N, C-alpha and C. Protein backbone atom coordinates (compact mmCIF):
# COMPACT_ATOMS: atom_id res chain seq x y z
N UNK A 1 63.61 4.79 -193.05
CA UNK A 1 64.66 5.39 -192.38
C UNK A 1 66.13 5.12 -192.74
N UNK A 2 67.07 5.47 -193.32
CA UNK A 2 68.29 5.16 -193.76
C UNK A 2 69.19 5.53 -192.77
N UNK A 3 70.10 3.82 -192.90
CA UNK A 3 70.80 4.01 -191.56
C UNK A 3 71.99 5.14 -192.23
N UNK A 4 72.65 5.82 -191.03
CA UNK A 4 73.86 6.69 -191.10
C UNK A 4 75.01 5.95 -191.52
N UNK A 5 76.00 6.61 -192.31
CA UNK A 5 77.07 5.99 -192.81
C UNK A 5 77.70 5.75 -191.73
N UNK A 6 78.82 5.04 -191.52
CA UNK A 6 79.72 4.81 -190.51
C UNK A 6 81.16 5.60 -190.70
N UNK A 7 81.28 5.97 -189.90
CA UNK A 7 82.16 7.36 -189.35
C UNK A 7 83.69 6.92 -190.14
N UNK A 8 84.17 7.36 -190.97
CA UNK A 8 85.41 7.20 -191.69
C UNK A 8 86.24 7.61 -190.72
N UNK A 9 87.15 6.29 -190.51
CA UNK A 9 88.57 6.32 -190.34
C UNK A 9 89.55 7.04 -190.51
N UNK A 10 90.18 7.87 -189.99
CA UNK A 10 91.36 8.21 -190.70
C UNK A 10 92.52 7.90 -190.22
N UNK A 11 93.45 8.24 -190.85
CA UNK A 11 95.10 7.17 -190.97
C UNK A 11 95.71 8.11 -190.33
N UNK A 12 96.85 7.20 -189.54
CA UNK A 12 97.93 8.15 -188.95
C UNK A 12 98.72 8.98 -190.04
N UNK A 13 99.31 9.97 -189.81
CA UNK A 13 100.08 10.61 -190.53
C UNK A 13 101.40 9.90 -190.95
N UNK A 14 101.90 10.18 -192.03
CA UNK A 14 103.06 9.12 -192.74
C UNK A 14 104.37 9.17 -191.80
N UNK A 15 104.57 10.29 -191.16
CA UNK A 15 105.65 10.46 -190.21
C UNK A 15 105.59 9.41 -189.11
N UNK A 16 104.58 8.90 -188.83
CA UNK A 16 104.64 7.42 -187.64
C UNK A 16 104.80 6.48 -188.47
N UNK A 17 104.91 6.14 -189.76
CA UNK A 17 105.09 4.85 -190.33
C UNK A 17 106.68 4.28 -189.80
N UNK A 18 107.47 4.87 -189.42
CA UNK A 18 108.73 4.26 -189.07
C UNK A 18 108.40 3.67 -187.47
N UNK A 19 107.32 4.07 -186.61
CA UNK A 19 107.26 3.40 -185.58
C UNK A 19 106.23 2.46 -185.78
N UNK A 20 104.98 2.27 -186.48
CA UNK A 20 104.03 1.57 -186.70
C UNK A 20 104.44 0.42 -187.94
N UNK A 21 105.59 0.38 -188.76
CA UNK A 21 105.96 -0.91 -189.25
C UNK A 21 106.65 -1.77 -187.98
N UNK A 22 107.53 -1.26 -187.36
CA UNK A 22 107.99 -2.30 -186.57
C UNK A 22 107.19 -2.75 -185.27
N UNK A 23 106.31 -2.05 -185.05
CA UNK A 23 105.00 -2.48 -183.99
C UNK A 23 104.48 -3.83 -184.68
N UNK A 24 103.80 -3.43 -185.72
CA UNK A 24 103.29 -4.55 -186.37
C UNK A 24 104.09 -5.59 -186.79
N UNK A 25 105.04 -5.24 -187.13
CA UNK A 25 106.10 -6.40 -187.53
C UNK A 25 106.30 -7.25 -186.36
N UNK A 26 106.67 -6.98 -185.21
CA UNK A 26 107.10 -7.47 -183.90
C UNK A 26 106.13 -8.03 -183.19
N UNK A 27 104.58 -7.57 -183.62
CA UNK A 27 103.62 -8.25 -182.78
C UNK A 27 103.42 -9.60 -183.66
N UNK A 28 103.27 -9.34 -184.87
CA UNK A 28 102.72 -10.86 -186.03
C UNK A 28 104.30 -11.90 -185.80
N UNK A 29 105.36 -11.49 -185.83
CA UNK A 29 106.41 -12.00 -185.93
C UNK A 29 106.62 -13.06 -184.58
N UNK A 30 106.45 -12.23 -183.16
CA UNK A 30 106.91 -12.76 -181.89
C UNK A 30 105.25 -13.85 -181.81
N UNK A 31 104.43 -13.20 -182.34
CA UNK A 31 102.59 -14.07 -182.22
C UNK A 31 103.16 -15.11 -182.90
N UNK A 32 103.70 -15.30 -183.95
CA UNK A 32 103.86 -16.93 -184.64
C UNK A 32 105.09 -17.89 -183.93
N UNK A 33 106.13 -16.92 -183.93
CA UNK A 33 107.53 -17.61 -183.09
C UNK A 33 106.81 -17.91 -181.96
N UNK A 34 106.86 -17.52 -180.84
CA UNK A 34 106.58 -18.09 -179.45
C UNK A 34 105.32 -18.98 -179.51
N UNK A 35 104.42 -18.97 -180.52
CA UNK A 35 103.04 -19.84 -180.26
C UNK A 35 104.08 -21.21 -180.91
N UNK A 36 105.03 -21.27 -181.84
CA UNK A 36 105.63 -22.60 -182.07
C UNK A 36 106.70 -22.84 -181.65
N UNK A 37 107.59 -22.14 -180.60
CA UNK A 37 108.18 -22.68 -179.83
C UNK A 37 107.72 -22.91 -178.38
N UNK A 38 106.77 -22.58 -178.03
CA UNK A 38 105.75 -23.08 -177.03
C UNK A 38 105.26 -24.29 -177.13
N UNK A 39 104.68 -24.40 -178.17
CA UNK A 39 103.95 -25.67 -178.69
C UNK A 39 104.81 -26.46 -178.83
N UNK A 40 105.96 -26.53 -179.23
CA UNK A 40 106.93 -27.55 -179.26
C UNK A 40 107.47 -28.21 -178.12
N UNK A 41 107.87 -27.09 -177.13
CA UNK A 41 107.80 -27.10 -175.94
C UNK A 41 107.01 -28.26 -175.00
N UNK A 42 105.78 -27.75 -174.97
CA UNK A 42 104.80 -28.20 -174.26
C UNK A 42 103.93 -28.95 -174.59
N UNK A 43 103.27 -29.21 -176.28
CA UNK A 43 102.75 -30.02 -176.92
C UNK A 43 101.29 -28.98 -176.86
N UNK A 44 100.32 -29.77 -177.70
CA UNK A 44 98.98 -29.07 -177.72
C UNK A 44 98.27 -29.83 -176.54
N UNK A 45 98.45 -28.84 -175.57
CA UNK A 45 97.88 -29.27 -173.95
C UNK A 45 97.31 -27.71 -173.37
N UNK A 46 96.17 -28.28 -172.37
CA UNK A 46 96.08 -26.71 -172.08
C UNK A 46 96.87 -25.82 -171.16
N UNK A 47 98.50 -26.58 -170.92
CA UNK A 47 99.60 -26.21 -170.47
C UNK A 47 99.97 -25.08 -171.57
N UNK A 48 100.08 -25.49 -172.71
CA UNK A 48 100.10 -24.22 -173.77
C UNK A 48 99.19 -23.18 -174.19
N UNK A 49 98.00 -23.35 -173.64
CA UNK A 49 97.37 -22.28 -173.93
C UNK A 49 97.04 -21.19 -172.85
N UNK A 50 97.56 -21.62 -171.38
CA UNK A 50 97.93 -21.27 -170.23
C UNK A 50 99.05 -20.24 -170.24
N UNK A 51 100.14 -21.19 -171.05
CA UNK A 51 101.68 -20.42 -171.01
C UNK A 51 101.71 -19.37 -172.13
N UNK A 52 101.02 -19.64 -173.10
CA UNK A 52 101.38 -18.95 -174.36
C UNK A 52 101.21 -17.29 -174.78
N UNK A 53 100.28 -17.05 -173.90
CA UNK A 53 99.94 -15.39 -173.86
C UNK A 53 100.99 -14.53 -173.10
N UNK A 54 101.77 -15.39 -172.02
CA UNK A 54 102.61 -14.82 -171.34
C UNK A 54 103.89 -14.49 -172.22
N UNK A 55 104.31 -15.74 -172.91
CA UNK A 55 105.18 -16.03 -173.40
C UNK A 55 105.58 -15.15 -174.35
N UNK A 56 104.08 -14.77 -175.18
CA UNK A 56 104.21 -13.71 -176.12
C UNK A 56 104.73 -12.68 -176.01
N UNK A 57 103.77 -12.09 -174.59
CA UNK A 57 104.03 -10.82 -174.20
C UNK A 57 105.58 -10.42 -173.91
N UNK A 58 106.09 -11.58 -173.22
CA UNK A 58 107.75 -11.48 -172.91
C UNK A 58 108.43 -11.09 -174.25
N UNK A 59 108.15 -12.01 -175.11
CA UNK A 59 109.03 -12.11 -176.32
C UNK A 59 108.81 -10.66 -176.91
N UNK A 60 107.51 -9.97 -176.99
CA UNK A 60 107.25 -9.12 -177.85
C UNK A 60 107.57 -7.90 -177.10
N UNK A 61 107.64 -7.72 -175.63
CA UNK A 61 108.33 -6.56 -175.06
C UNK A 61 109.93 -6.35 -175.36
N UNK A 62 110.81 -7.54 -175.72
CA UNK A 62 112.29 -7.89 -176.05
C UNK A 62 112.61 -7.49 -177.39
N UNK A 63 111.28 -7.77 -178.47
CA UNK A 63 111.79 -7.95 -179.82
C UNK A 63 111.26 -6.69 -180.34
N UNK A 64 110.22 -5.62 -179.89
CA UNK A 64 109.59 -4.30 -180.32
C UNK A 64 111.12 -3.70 -180.03
N UNK A 65 111.52 -3.28 -178.73
CA UNK A 65 112.64 -2.23 -178.82
C UNK A 65 113.88 -2.67 -179.67
N UNK A 66 114.28 -3.90 -179.61
CA UNK A 66 115.58 -4.57 -180.54
C UNK A 66 115.13 -4.11 -181.88
N UNK A 67 113.96 -4.64 -182.33
CA UNK A 67 113.64 -4.24 -183.55
C UNK A 67 113.75 -2.63 -184.22
N UNK A 68 113.04 -1.73 -183.30
CA UNK A 68 113.64 -0.58 -183.26
C UNK A 68 115.06 -0.04 -183.59
N UNK A 69 115.73 -0.77 -182.38
CA UNK A 69 117.25 -0.08 -182.75
C UNK A 69 118.07 -0.94 -183.76
N UNK A 70 117.43 -2.21 -184.56
CA UNK A 70 118.76 -2.34 -185.48
C UNK A 70 117.84 -2.26 -186.80
N UNK A 71 116.72 -1.58 -186.37
CA UNK A 71 116.25 -1.17 -188.38
C UNK A 71 117.20 -0.37 -188.92
N UNK A 72 117.77 0.29 -188.45
CA UNK A 72 118.62 1.35 -189.46
C UNK A 72 119.85 0.30 -190.05
N UNK A 73 120.37 -0.44 -189.22
CA UNK A 73 121.66 -1.30 -189.62
C UNK A 73 120.97 -2.25 -190.78
N UNK A 74 119.39 -2.69 -190.30
CA UNK A 74 118.89 -3.63 -191.64
C UNK A 74 118.87 -2.85 -192.89
N UNK A 75 118.15 -1.60 -192.53
CA UNK A 75 118.32 -0.96 -193.89
C UNK A 75 119.46 -0.81 -194.57
N UNK A 76 120.52 -0.41 -193.92
CA UNK A 76 121.62 -0.25 -194.45
C UNK A 76 122.16 -1.68 -195.05
N UNK A 77 122.05 -2.63 -194.88
CA UNK A 77 122.64 -4.03 -195.13
C UNK A 77 121.73 -4.43 -196.57
N UNK A 78 120.44 -4.07 -196.16
CA UNK A 78 119.33 -4.35 -197.37
C UNK A 78 120.08 -3.21 -198.83
N UNK A 79 119.99 -1.89 -198.69
CA UNK A 79 120.39 -0.68 -199.36
C UNK A 79 122.06 -1.64 -200.21
N UNK A 80 122.86 -2.16 -199.14
CA UNK A 80 123.88 -2.85 -200.02
C UNK A 80 123.99 -4.19 -200.88
N UNK A 81 122.66 -4.79 -200.29
CA UNK A 81 122.53 -5.89 -201.25
C UNK A 81 121.48 -5.83 -202.33
N UNK A 82 120.69 -4.82 -202.35
CA UNK A 82 119.35 -4.40 -203.26
C UNK A 82 119.79 -3.57 -204.18
N UNK A 83 119.62 -3.50 -205.27
CA UNK A 83 119.79 -2.35 -206.49
C UNK A 83 119.08 -1.13 -206.09
N UNK A 84 119.06 -0.14 -206.05
CA UNK A 84 118.35 1.06 -205.86
C UNK A 84 117.36 0.84 -207.26
N UNK A 85 115.97 1.25 -206.98
CA UNK A 85 115.10 1.39 -208.43
C UNK A 85 115.95 2.66 -208.94
N UNK A 86 115.60 2.44 -210.55
CA UNK A 86 115.90 3.58 -211.24
C UNK A 86 114.90 4.74 -211.36
N UNK A 87 115.58 5.84 -211.30
CA UNK A 87 114.31 7.16 -211.44
C UNK A 87 114.12 7.10 -212.95
N UNK A 88 112.80 7.07 -213.63
CA UNK A 88 112.63 7.31 -214.99
C UNK A 88 111.92 8.46 -215.17
């Protein structure tokens, strides 16, 4: 008996990239920054494990909408600082 192939996962359409990129970025950045700041504040204790998930959640709830709001400004600043690729 041959195993059936795993179902292919389809990707989101390209139009969602402007939403998915800040979503992933905000999850990863708040995950790391909240872990570091909570660990620095509480130390490697059971209180850290108990506190950090809520701290991360609150920081993500703030960071994601802020990132969506400032991303157009960030793109403009980057365009001023970085030379556009040459079209050849």
